[in-house]
Amino acid sequence: DASKIHLFDNYKHIMDLGGGHGQLLNYLKPIVKPGTKLTVQERPQAAESAKMLEGINFIGQDLFEKVTPGPDCYLMKHVMDGFDDESCVKVLKNVYNASKKGT
């Protein structure tokens, strides 16, 4: 039962990097604290075509160019499958550069 999961209780802003149409954050929505900001960062074309989900924000930005700073929790699910090591390192460096201390 997802409602008993408390992994995300301490976060004020959760961003799903490469989160497609927001399915993961939509699943997490009932278990995060009220007021938690939920954002998907996805390629511009995908973010524009995403069906807008209530309570989830979408940012069109390519992870290989930049990761949006601000969240205190970044999620990535199956984002780097199929990419070479160099590309994966680039994305992870972008996450590191965007992260604030303690993220």
N, C-alpha and C. Protein backbone atom coordinates (compact mmCIF):
# COMPACT_ATOMS: atom_id res chain seq x y z
N ASP A 1 0.85 -1.18 0.00
CA ASP A 1 0.00 0.00 0.00
C ASP A 1 0.89 1.24 0.00
N ALA A 2 0.82 2.01 -1.08
CA ALA A 2 1.69 3.18 -1.24
C ALA A 2 1.46 4.24 -0.18
N SER A 3 0.29 4.28 0.41
CA SER A 3 0.00 5.33 1.40
C SER A 3 0.82 5.17 2.68
N LYS A 4 1.47 4.03 2.85
CA LYS A 4 2.28 3.79 4.05
C LYS A 4 3.76 4.08 3.82
N ILE A 5 4.08 4.55 2.63
CA ILE A 5 5.47 4.88 2.31
C ILE A 5 5.75 6.31 2.77
N HIS A 6 6.83 6.48 3.51
CA HIS A 6 7.17 7.80 4.03
C HIS A 6 8.53 8.29 3.52
N LEU A 7 8.97 7.75 2.41
CA LEU A 7 10.28 8.12 1.86
C LEU A 7 10.37 9.58 1.46
N PHE A 8 9.26 10.20 1.12
CA PHE A 8 9.27 11.54 0.55
C PHE A 8 8.74 12.60 1.51
N ASP A 9 8.61 12.27 2.78
CA ASP A 9 8.00 13.18 3.76
C ASP A 9 8.79 14.48 3.97
N ASN A 10 10.10 14.44 3.79
CA ASN A 10 10.92 15.61 4.12
C ASN A 10 11.18 16.53 2.94
N TYR A 11 10.59 16.25 1.80
CA TYR A 11 10.87 17.03 0.60
C TYR A 11 9.77 18.04 0.31
N LYS A 12 10.19 19.23 -0.10
CA LYS A 12 9.25 20.29 -0.45
C LYS A 12 9.04 20.39 -1.95
N HIS A 13 10.02 19.89 -2.73
CA HIS A 13 9.93 19.96 -4.19
C HIS A 13 10.60 18.72 -4.77
N ILE A 14 9.83 17.90 -5.45
CA ILE A 14 10.33 16.67 -6.08
C ILE A 14 10.27 16.84 -7.59
N MET A 15 11.40 16.58 -8.26
CA MET A 15 11.44 16.67 -9.71
C MET A 15 11.80 15.32 -10.30
N ASP A 16 10.99 14.87 -11.25
CA ASP A 16 11.25 13.63 -11.99
C ASP A 16 11.94 14.00 -13.29
N LEU A 17 13.20 13.64 -13.41
CA LEU A 17 13.99 13.98 -14.59
C LEU A 17 13.74 12.94 -15.68
N GLY A 18 13.34 13.41 -16.84
CA GLY A 18 12.99 12.49 -17.92
C GLY A 18 11.71 11.75 -17.59
N GLY A 19 10.81 12.41 -16.89
CA GLY A 19 9.61 11.78 -16.35
C GLY A 19 8.44 11.61 -17.29
N GLY A 20 8.69 11.78 -18.59
CA GLY A 20 7.64 11.52 -19.58
C GLY A 20 6.40 12.36 -19.35
N HIS A 21 5.29 11.68 -19.19
CA HIS A 21 4.00 12.36 -19.01
C HIS A 21 3.60 12.48 -17.56
N GLY A 22 4.52 12.20 -16.64
CA GLY A 22 4.26 12.43 -15.23
C GLY A 22 3.63 11.26 -14.48
N GLN A 23 3.70 10.07 -15.04
CA GLN A 23 3.06 8.91 -14.41
C GLN A 23 3.60 8.62 -13.02
N LEU A 24 4.92 8.67 -12.85
CA LEU A 24 5.51 8.37 -11.54
C LEU A 24 5.07 9.39 -10.50
N LEU A 25 5.14 10.68 -10.84
CA LEU A 25 4.72 11.70 -9.87
C LEU A 25 3.22 11.63 -9.61
N ASN A 26 2.46 11.27 -10.61
CA ASN A 26 1.02 11.12 -10.40
C ASN A 26 0.75 9.98 -9.41
N TYR A 27 1.55 8.92 -9.47
CA TYR A 27 1.44 7.81 -8.52
C TYR A 27 1.85 8.26 -7.11
N LEU A 28 2.87 9.10 -7.03
CA LEU A 28 3.36 9.54 -5.73
C LEU A 28 2.49 10.63 -5.10
N LYS A 29 1.71 11.32 -5.91
CA LYS A 29 0.93 12.46 -5.43
C LYS A 29 0.15 12.17 -4.14
N PRO A 30 -0.54 11.04 -4.02
CA PRO A 30 -1.31 10.81 -2.79
C PRO A 30 -0.45 10.54 -1.55
N ILE A 31 0.83 10.25 -1.72
CA ILE A 31 1.63 9.88 -0.56
C ILE A 31 2.61 10.97 -0.11
N VAL A 32 2.74 12.05 -0.89
CA VAL A 32 3.61 13.14 -0.45
C VAL A 32 2.79 14.09 0.41
N LYS A 33 3.50 14.87 1.21
CA LYS A 33 2.81 15.83 2.08
C LYS A 33 2.08 16.88 1.25
N PRO A 34 0.95 17.32 1.71
CA PRO A 34 0.24 18.40 1.01
C PRO A 34 1.16 19.62 0.85
N GLY A 35 1.11 20.22 -0.31
CA GLY A 35 1.94 21.39 -0.57
C GLY A 35 3.27 21.07 -1.23
N THR A 36 3.61 19.78 -1.34
CA THR A 36 4.85 19.40 -2.00
C THR A 36 4.72 19.71 -3.49
N LYS A 37 5.69 20.44 -4.02
CA LYS A 37 5.68 20.79 -5.44
C LYS A 37 6.20 19.59 -6.24
N LEU A 38 5.49 19.23 -7.29
CA LEU A 38 5.86 18.10 -8.15
C LEU A 38 6.11 18.60 -9.56
N THR A 39 7.28 18.28 -10.10
CA THR A 39 7.67 18.80 -11.41
C THR A 39 8.30 17.68 -12.24
N VAL A 40 7.97 17.66 -13.52
CA VAL A 40 8.62 16.77 -14.49
C VAL A 40 9.49 17.64 -15.38
N GLN A 41 10.77 17.26 -15.52
CA GLN A 41 11.63 17.87 -16.53
C GLN A 41 11.77 16.86 -17.65
N GLU A 42 11.38 17.26 -18.83
CA GLU A 42 11.39 16.37 -19.99
C GLU A 42 11.80 17.19 -21.20
N ARG A 43 12.26 16.52 -22.26
CA ARG A 43 12.62 17.24 -23.49
C ARG A 43 11.48 18.17 -23.88
N PRO A 44 11.80 19.32 -24.45
CA PRO A 44 10.77 20.31 -24.77
C PRO A 44 9.58 19.75 -25.55
N GLN A 45 9.86 18.93 -26.59
CA GLN A 45 8.77 18.38 -27.39
C GLN A 45 7.86 17.48 -26.56
N ALA A 46 8.45 16.67 -25.70
CA ALA A 46 7.67 15.75 -24.86
C ALA A 46 6.88 16.51 -23.80
N ALA A 47 7.49 17.54 -23.23
CA ALA A 47 6.80 18.33 -22.20
C ALA A 47 5.61 19.06 -22.80
N GLU A 48 5.76 19.55 -24.02
CA GLU A 48 4.66 20.27 -24.68
C GLU A 48 3.50 19.34 -25.00
N SER A 49 3.81 18.08 -25.34
CA SER A 49 2.74 17.16 -25.74
C SER A 49 2.17 16.38 -24.55
N ALA A 50 2.75 16.54 -23.38
CA ALA A 50 2.28 15.80 -22.20
C ALA A 50 0.88 16.24 -21.82
N LYS A 51 0.07 15.27 -21.47
CA LYS A 51 -1.26 15.58 -20.96
C LYS A 51 -1.05 16.19 -19.58
N MET A 52 -1.52 17.38 -19.40
CA MET A 52 -1.30 18.05 -18.13
C MET A 52 -2.07 17.34 -17.01
N LEU A 53 -1.37 17.03 -15.95
CA LEU A 53 -1.96 16.37 -14.80
C LEU A 53 -2.09 17.38 -13.67
N GLU A 54 -3.21 17.36 -13.02
CA GLU A 54 -3.45 18.30 -11.93
C GLU A 54 -2.38 18.14 -10.85
N GLY A 55 -1.78 19.27 -10.46
CA GLY A 55 -0.79 19.26 -9.39
C GLY A 55 0.62 18.91 -9.83
N ILE A 56 0.83 18.72 -11.14
CA ILE A 56 2.17 18.40 -11.64
C ILE A 56 2.57 19.44 -12.68
N ASN A 57 3.73 20.05 -12.47
CA ASN A 57 4.27 21.04 -13.39
C ASN A 57 5.20 20.36 -14.39
N PHE A 58 5.29 20.91 -15.60
CA PHE A 58 6.17 20.36 -16.62
C PHE A 58 7.14 21.45 -17.08
N ILE A 59 8.42 21.07 -17.20
CA ILE A 59 9.45 21.97 -17.70
C ILE A 59 10.08 21.31 -18.92
N GLY A 60 10.11 22.03 -20.03
CA GLY A 60 10.74 21.52 -21.24
C GLY A 60 12.21 21.90 -21.28
N GLN A 61 13.07 20.95 -20.90
CA GLN A 61 14.52 21.20 -20.87
C GLN A 61 15.23 19.86 -21.05
N ASP A 62 16.15 19.79 -21.98
CA ASP A 62 16.90 18.57 -22.24
C ASP A 62 17.91 18.32 -21.12
N LEU A 63 17.86 17.13 -20.53
CA LEU A 63 18.76 16.77 -19.43
C LEU A 63 20.22 16.79 -19.82
N PHE A 64 20.49 16.58 -21.11
CA PHE A 64 21.88 16.57 -21.57
C PHE A 64 22.44 17.98 -21.68
N GLU A 65 21.56 18.97 -21.65
CA GLU A 65 22.02 20.36 -21.69
C GLU A 65 22.04 20.98 -20.30
N LYS A 66 20.97 20.75 -19.53
CA LYS A 66 20.86 21.39 -18.22
C LYS A 66 19.78 20.68 -17.39
N VAL A 67 20.02 20.63 -16.09
CA VAL A 67 18.99 20.18 -15.15
C VAL A 67 18.54 21.41 -14.38
N THR A 68 17.24 21.56 -14.27
CA THR A 68 16.68 22.73 -13.60
C THR A 68 17.00 22.71 -12.12
N PRO A 69 17.60 23.78 -11.59
CA PRO A 69 17.90 23.84 -10.15
C PRO A 69 16.65 24.15 -9.34
N GLY A 70 16.69 23.81 -8.06
CA GLY A 70 15.61 24.19 -7.16
C GLY A 70 15.05 23.07 -6.31
N PRO A 71 14.75 21.90 -6.88
CA PRO A 71 14.16 20.83 -6.06
C PRO A 71 15.12 20.34 -4.98
N ASP A 72 14.56 19.77 -3.94
CA ASP A 72 15.40 19.12 -2.93
C ASP A 72 15.39 17.61 -3.10
N CYS A 73 14.72 17.12 -4.15
CA CYS A 73 14.74 15.69 -4.48
C CYS A 73 14.62 15.53 -5.99
N TYR A 74 15.59 14.84 -6.58
CA TYR A 74 15.54 14.50 -8.00
C TYR A 74 15.31 13.00 -8.13
N LEU A 75 14.42 12.61 -9.02
CA LEU A 75 14.16 11.21 -9.32
C LEU A 75 14.52 10.95 -10.79
N MET A 76 15.04 9.76 -11.06
CA MET A 76 15.25 9.31 -12.43
C MET A 76 14.88 7.83 -12.48
N LYS A 77 13.95 7.51 -13.35
CA LYS A 77 13.51 6.12 -13.49
C LYS A 77 13.69 5.71 -14.95
N HIS A 78 14.58 4.81 -15.21
CA HIS A 78 14.84 4.29 -16.56
C HIS A 78 15.29 5.37 -17.54
N VAL A 79 15.88 6.45 -17.03
CA VAL A 79 16.26 7.56 -17.88
C VAL A 79 17.50 7.24 -18.71
N MET A 80 18.45 6.56 -18.15
CA MET A 80 19.72 6.38 -18.83
C MET A 80 19.87 5.02 -19.51
N ASP A 81 18.78 4.28 -19.57
CA ASP A 81 18.81 3.00 -20.29
C ASP A 81 19.15 3.25 -21.75
N GLY A 82 20.14 2.57 -22.25
CA GLY A 82 20.47 2.66 -23.66
C GLY A 82 21.46 3.76 -24.02
N PHE A 83 21.82 4.60 -23.06
CA PHE A 83 22.81 5.64 -23.35
C PHE A 83 24.20 5.14 -22.99
N ASP A 84 25.21 5.65 -23.70
CA ASP A 84 26.59 5.26 -23.41
C ASP A 84 27.04 5.92 -22.10
N ASP A 85 28.15 5.43 -21.58
CA ASP A 85 28.66 5.92 -20.30
C ASP A 85 28.91 7.43 -20.31
N GLU A 86 29.47 7.94 -21.39
CA GLU A 86 29.79 9.36 -21.47
C GLU A 86 28.52 10.21 -21.34
N SER A 87 27.45 9.80 -21.99
CA SER A 87 26.18 10.53 -21.90
C SER A 87 25.61 10.47 -20.50
N CYS A 88 25.70 9.31 -19.87
CA CYS A 88 25.19 9.16 -18.51
C CYS A 88 25.96 10.04 -17.53
N VAL A 89 27.28 10.10 -17.69
CA VAL A 89 28.10 10.95 -16.82
C VAL A 89 27.71 12.41 -17.02
N LYS A 90 27.44 12.80 -18.25
CA LYS A 90 27.04 14.19 -18.52
C LYS A 90 25.74 14.53 -17.78
N VAL A 91 24.76 13.64 -17.83
CA VAL A 91 23.49 13.88 -17.13
C VAL A 91 23.73 13.96 -15.62
N LEU A 92 24.52 13.03 -15.08
CA LEU A 92 24.77 13.04 -13.64
C LEU A 92 25.52 14.30 -13.20
N LYS A 93 26.42 14.78 -14.02
CA LYS A 93 27.12 16.05 -13.71
C LYS A 93 26.12 17.21 -13.72
N ASN A 94 25.19 17.19 -14.67
CA ASN A 94 24.17 18.24 -14.71
C ASN A 94 23.29 18.20 -13.46
N VAL A 95 22.97 17.01 -13.00
CA VAL A 95 22.19 16.88 -11.76
C VAL A 95 23.00 17.42 -10.59
N TYR A 96 24.25 17.03 -10.51
CA TYR A 96 25.12 17.51 -9.44
C TYR A 96 25.22 19.04 -9.44
N ASN A 97 25.42 19.62 -10.61
CA ASN A 97 25.57 21.08 -10.71
C ASN A 97 24.29 21.81 -10.34
N ALA A 98 23.14 21.22 -10.58
CA ALA A 98 21.86 21.85 -10.28
C ALA A 98 21.45 21.67 -8.82
N SER A 99 22.03 20.66 -8.17
CA SER A 99 21.60 20.31 -6.81
C SER A 99 22.13 21.30 -5.79
N LYS A 100 21.28 21.57 -4.83
CA LYS A 100 21.75 22.37 -3.69
C LYS A 100 22.28 21.43 -2.64
N LYS A 101 23.09 21.92 -1.75
CA LYS A 101 23.70 21.10 -0.72
C LYS A 101 22.62 20.35 0.06
N GLY A 102 22.80 19.05 0.23
CA GLY A 102 21.85 18.25 0.99
C GLY A 102 20.79 17.57 0.14
N THR A 103 20.81 17.84 -1.18
CA THR A 103 19.81 17.25 -2.07
C THR A 103 20.14 15.79 -2.33
